[in-house]
Amino acid sequence: GAVVRAGGIHGDLGPGGVGTAADP
């Protein structure tokens, strides 16, 4: 299930890997 994370800081990713307010 190769997952690609793009953009933002991984520590700031919310549920499902979507950015939070700290990572618009």
PDB file of all heavy atoms in Angstrom:
ATOM      1  N   GLY A   1       0.813  -1.200   0.000  1.00  0.00           N
ATOM      2  CA  GLY A   1       0.000   0.000   0.000  1.00  0.00           C
ATOM      3  C   GLY A   1       0.845   1.248   0.000  1.00  0.00           C
ATOM      4  O   GLY A   1       0.667   2.126   0.820  1.00  0.00           O
ATOM      5  N   ALA A   2       1.793   1.301  -0.904  1.00  0.00           N
ATOM      6  CA  ALA A   2       2.745   2.403  -0.954  1.00  0.00           C
ATOM      7  C   ALA A   2       2.017   3.731  -0.816  1.00  0.00           C
ATOM      8  O   ALA A   2       1.128   4.038  -1.582  1.00  0.00           O
ATOM      9  CB  ALA A   2       3.532   2.364  -2.255  1.00  0.00           C
ATOM     10  N   VAL A   3       2.367   4.476   0.205  1.00  0.00           N
ATOM     11  CA  VAL A   3       1.722   5.753   0.479  1.00  0.00           C
ATOM     12  C   VAL A   3       2.717   6.867   0.209  1.00  0.00           C
ATOM     13  O   VAL A   3       3.866   6.797   0.623  1.00  0.00           O
ATOM     14  CB  VAL A   3       1.228   5.832   1.939  1.00  0.00           C
ATOM     15  CG1 VAL A   3       0.674   7.215   2.252  1.00  0.00           C
ATOM     16  CG2 VAL A   3       0.176   4.775   2.192  1.00  0.00           C
ATOM     17  N   VAL A   4       2.260   7.867  -0.502  1.00  0.00           N
ATOM     18  CA  VAL A   4       3.081   9.030  -0.796  1.00  0.00           C
ATOM     19  C   VAL A   4       2.575  10.164   0.067  1.00  0.00           C
ATOM     20  O   VAL A   4       1.391  10.469   0.070  1.00  0.00           O
ATOM     21  CB  VAL A   4       2.935   9.421  -2.287  1.00  0.00           C
ATOM     22  CG1 VAL A   4       3.758  10.651  -2.586  1.00  0.00           C
ATOM     23  CG2 VAL A   4       3.310   8.270  -3.181  1.00  0.00           C
ATOM     24  N   ARG A   5       3.448  10.780   0.831  1.00  0.00           N
ATOM     25  CA  ARG A   5       3.069  11.960   1.600  1.00  0.00           C
ATOM     26  C   ARG A   5       3.641  13.162   0.874  1.00  0.00           C
ATOM     27  O   ARG A   5       4.803  13.177   0.509  1.00  0.00           O
ATOM     28  CB  ARG A   5       3.628  11.879   3.007  1.00  0.00           C
ATOM     29  CG  ARG A   5       3.001  10.744   3.773  1.00  0.00           C
ATOM     30  CD  ARG A   5       2.595  11.214   5.141  1.00  0.00           C
ATOM     31  NE  ARG A   5       2.038  10.122   5.887  1.00  0.00           N
ATOM     32  CZ  ARG A   5       0.726   9.951   6.050  1.00  0.00           C
ATOM     33  NH1 ARG A   5      -0.120  10.794   5.532  1.00  0.00           N
ATOM     34  NH2 ARG A   5       0.284   8.943   6.745  1.00  0.00           N
ATOM     35  N   ALA A   6       2.811  14.136   0.657  1.00  0.00           N
ATOM     36  CA  ALA A   6       3.259  15.308  -0.086  1.00  0.00           C
ATOM     37  C   ALA A   6       2.913  16.569   0.685  1.00  0.00           C
ATOM     38  O   ALA A   6       1.819  16.699   1.212  1.00  0.00           O
ATOM     39  CB  ALA A   6       2.575  15.337  -1.454  1.00  0.00           C
ATOM     40  N   GLY A   7       3.852  17.487   0.739  1.00  0.00           N
ATOM     41  CA  GLY A   7       3.581  18.786   1.326  1.00  0.00           C
ATOM     42  C   GLY A   7       3.531  18.772   2.840  1.00  0.00           C
ATOM     43  O   GLY A   7       3.337  17.756   3.465  1.00  0.00           O
ATOM     44  N   GLY A   8       3.722  19.927   3.410  1.00  0.00           N
ATOM     45  CA  GLY A   8       3.571  20.095   4.844  1.00  0.00           C
ATOM     46  C   GLY A   8       4.629  19.391   5.662  1.00  0.00           C
ATOM     47  O   GLY A   8       5.536  18.767   5.149  1.00  0.00           O
ATOM     48  N   ILE A   9       4.481  19.491   6.962  1.00  0.00           N
ATOM     49  CA  ILE A   9       5.362  18.814   7.894  1.00  0.00           C
ATOM     50  C   ILE A   9       4.603  17.617   8.412  1.00  0.00           C
ATOM     51  O   ILE A   9       3.485  17.757   8.909  1.00  0.00           O
ATOM     52  CB  ILE A   9       5.745  19.767   9.050  1.00  0.00           C
ATOM     53  CG1 ILE A   9       6.462  20.995   8.481  1.00  0.00           C
ATOM     54  CG2 ILE A   9       6.578  19.050  10.102  1.00  0.00           C
ATOM     55  CD1 ILE A   9       6.656  22.102   9.481  1.00  0.00           C
ATOM     56  N   HIS A  10       5.194  16.430   8.304  1.00  0.00           N
ATOM     57  CA  HIS A  10       4.467  15.213   8.660  1.00  0.00           C
ATOM     58  C   HIS A  10       3.889  15.269  10.068  1.00  0.00           C
ATOM     59  O   HIS A  10       2.815  14.756  10.304  1.00  0.00           O
ATOM     60  CB  HIS A  10       5.358  13.980   8.488  1.00  0.00           C
ATOM     61  CG  HIS A  10       5.687  13.710   7.070  1.00  0.00           C
ATOM     62  ND1 HIS A  10       4.756  13.235   6.182  1.00  0.00           N
ATOM     63  CD2 HIS A  10       6.833  13.877   6.364  1.00  0.00           C
ATOM     64  CE1 HIS A  10       5.308  13.110   4.989  1.00  0.00           C
ATOM     65  NE2 HIS A  10       6.574  13.491   5.078  1.00  0.00           N
ATOM     66  N   GLY A  11       4.561  15.903  11.008  1.00  0.00           N
ATOM     67  CA  GLY A  11       4.038  16.005  12.356  1.00  0.00           C
ATOM     68  C   GLY A  11       2.767  16.832  12.431  1.00  0.00           C
ATOM     69  O   GLY A  11       2.019  16.726  13.379  1.00  0.00           O
ATOM     70  N   ASP A  12       2.509  17.672  11.455  1.00  0.00           N
ATOM     71  CA  ASP A  12       1.329  18.525  11.457  1.00  0.00           C
ATOM     72  C   ASP A  12       0.175  17.959  10.645  1.00  0.00           C
ATOM     73  O   ASP A  12      -0.824  18.621  10.459  1.00  0.00           O
ATOM     74  CB  ASP A  12       1.672  19.913  10.902  1.00  0.00           C
ATOM     75  CG  ASP A  12       2.528  20.719  11.867  1.00  0.00           C
ATOM     76  OD1 ASP A  12       2.554  20.381  13.064  1.00  0.00           O
ATOM     77  OD2 ASP A  12       3.177  21.665  11.407  1.00  0.00           O
ATOM     78  N   LEU A  13       0.323  16.727  10.161  1.00  0.00           N
ATOM     79  CA  LEU A  13      -0.759  16.165   9.365  1.00  0.00           C
ATOM     80  C   LEU A  13      -1.844  15.632  10.280  1.00  0.00           C
ATOM     81  O   LEU A  13      -1.577  14.936  11.251  1.00  0.00           O
ATOM     82  CB  LEU A  13      -0.243  15.057   8.455  1.00  0.00           C
ATOM     83  CG  LEU A  13       0.732  15.511   7.366  1.00  0.00           C
ATOM     84  CD1 LEU A  13       1.177  14.330   6.540  1.00  0.00           C
ATOM     85  CD2 LEU A  13       0.107  16.567   6.479  1.00  0.00           C
ATOM     86  N   GLY A  14      -3.072  15.949   9.955  1.00  0.00           N
ATOM     87  CA  GLY A  14      -4.200  15.511  10.758  1.00  0.00           C
ATOM     88  C   GLY A  14      -4.732  14.164  10.296  1.00  0.00           C
ATOM     89  O   GLY A  14      -4.052  13.419   9.596  1.00  0.00           O
ATOM     90  N   PRO A  15      -5.968  13.831  10.670  1.00  0.00           N
ATOM     91  CA  PRO A  15      -6.558  12.552  10.301  1.00  0.00           C
ATOM     92  C   PRO A  15      -6.520  12.343   8.788  1.00  0.00           C
ATOM     93  O   PRO A  15      -6.814  13.249   8.020  1.00  0.00           O
ATOM     94  CB  PRO A  15      -7.999  12.671  10.801  1.00  0.00           C
ATOM     95  CG  PRO A  15      -7.955  13.725  11.866  1.00  0.00           C
ATOM     96  CD  PRO A  15      -6.857  14.667  11.458  1.00  0.00           C
ATOM     97  N   GLY A  16      -6.140  11.150   8.385  1.00  0.00           N
ATOM     98  CA  GLY A  16      -6.088  10.840   6.965  1.00  0.00           C
ATOM     99  C   GLY A  16      -4.943  11.506   6.240  1.00  0.00           C
ATOM    100  O   GLY A  16      -4.869  11.479   5.030  1.00  0.00           O
ATOM    101  N   GLY A  17      -4.041  12.153   6.974  1.00  0.00           N
ATOM    102  CA  GLY A  17      -2.888  12.778   6.346  1.00  0.00           C
ATOM    103  C   GLY A  17      -3.161  14.161   5.785  1.00  0.00           C
ATOM    104  O   GLY A  17      -2.349  14.724   5.087  1.00  0.00           O
ATOM    105  N   VAL A  18      -4.326  14.738   6.067  1.00  0.00           N
ATOM    106  CA  VAL A  18      -4.673  16.049   5.541  1.00  0.00           C
ATOM    107  C   VAL A  18      -4.130  17.111   6.485  1.00  0.00           C
ATOM    108  O   VAL A  18      -4.142  16.940   7.704  1.00  0.00           O
ATOM    109  CB  VAL A  18      -6.212  16.185   5.398  1.00  0.00           C
ATOM    110  CG1 VAL A  18      -6.588  17.567   4.896  1.00  0.00           C
ATOM    111  CG2 VAL A  18      -6.725  15.124   4.445  1.00  0.00           C
ATOM    112  N   GLY A  19      -3.647  18.200   5.924  1.00  0.00           N
ATOM    113  CA  GLY A  19      -3.028  19.257   6.718  1.00  0.00           C
ATOM    114  C   GLY A  19      -3.974  19.878   7.720  1.00  0.00           C
ATOM    115  O   GLY A  19      -5.185  19.906   7.530  1.00  0.00           O
ATOM    116  N   THR A  20      -3.407  20.371   8.795  1.00  0.00           N
ATOM    117  CA  THR A  20      -4.182  21.057   9.820  1.00  0.00           C
ATOM    118  C   THR A  20      -4.046  22.557   9.613  1.00  0.00           C
ATOM    119  O   THR A  20      -3.356  23.006   8.712  1.00  0.00           O
ATOM    120  CB  THR A  20      -3.657  20.686  11.222  1.00  0.00           C
ATOM    121  OG1 THR A  20      -2.315  21.156  11.331  1.00  0.00           O
ATOM    122  CG2 THR A  20      -3.716  19.193  11.459  1.00  0.00           C
ATOM    123  N   ALA A  21      -4.657  23.330  10.483  1.00  0.00           N
ATOM    124  CA  ALA A  21      -4.578  24.784  10.366  1.00  0.00           C
ATOM    125  C   ALA A  21      -3.133  25.260  10.427  1.00  0.00           C
ATOM    126  O   ALA A  21      -2.782  26.270   9.836  1.00  0.00           O
ATOM    127  CB  ALA A  21      -5.414  25.444  11.463  1.00  0.00           C
ATOM    128  N   ALA A  22      -2.281  24.533  11.154  1.00  0.00           N
ATOM    129  CA  ALA A  22      -0.873  24.911  11.245  1.00  0.00           C
ATOM    130  C   ALA A  22      -0.129  24.625   9.945  1.00  0.00           C
ATOM    131  O   ALA A  22       0.993  25.037   9.769  1.00  0.00           O
ATOM    132  CB  ALA A  22      -0.208  24.157  12.400  1.00  0.00           C
ATOM    133  N   ASP A  23      -0.763  23.911   9.036  1.00  0.00           N
ATOM    134  CA  ASP A  23      -0.139  23.499   7.780  1.00  0.00           C
ATOM    135  C   ASP A  23      -1.128  23.712   6.634  1.00  0.00           C
ATOM    136  O   ASP A  23      -1.628  22.764   6.060  1.00  0.00           O
ATOM    137  CB  ASP A  23       0.264  22.024   7.879  1.00  0.00           C
ATOM    138  CG  ASP A  23       1.002  21.540   6.648  1.00  0.00           C
ATOM    139  OD1 ASP A  23       1.557  22.374   5.919  1.00  0.00           O
ATOM    140  OD2 ASP A  23       1.000  20.325   6.412  1.00  0.00           O
ATOM    141  N   PRO A  24      -1.468  24.976   6.312  1.00  0.00           N
ATOM    142  CA  PRO A  24      -2.536  25.260   5.362  1.00  0.00           C
ATOM    143  C   PRO A  24      -2.226  24.861   3.917  1.00  0.00           C
ATOM    144  O   PRO A  24      -3.136  24.766   3.119  1.00  0.00           O
ATOM    145  CB  PRO A  24      -2.710  26.766   5.474  1.00  0.00           C
ATOM    146  CG  PRO A  24      -1.377  27.268   5.935  1.00  0.00           C
ATOM    147  CD  PRO A  24      -0.827  26.185   6.807  1.00  0.00           C
TER     148      PRO A  24
END
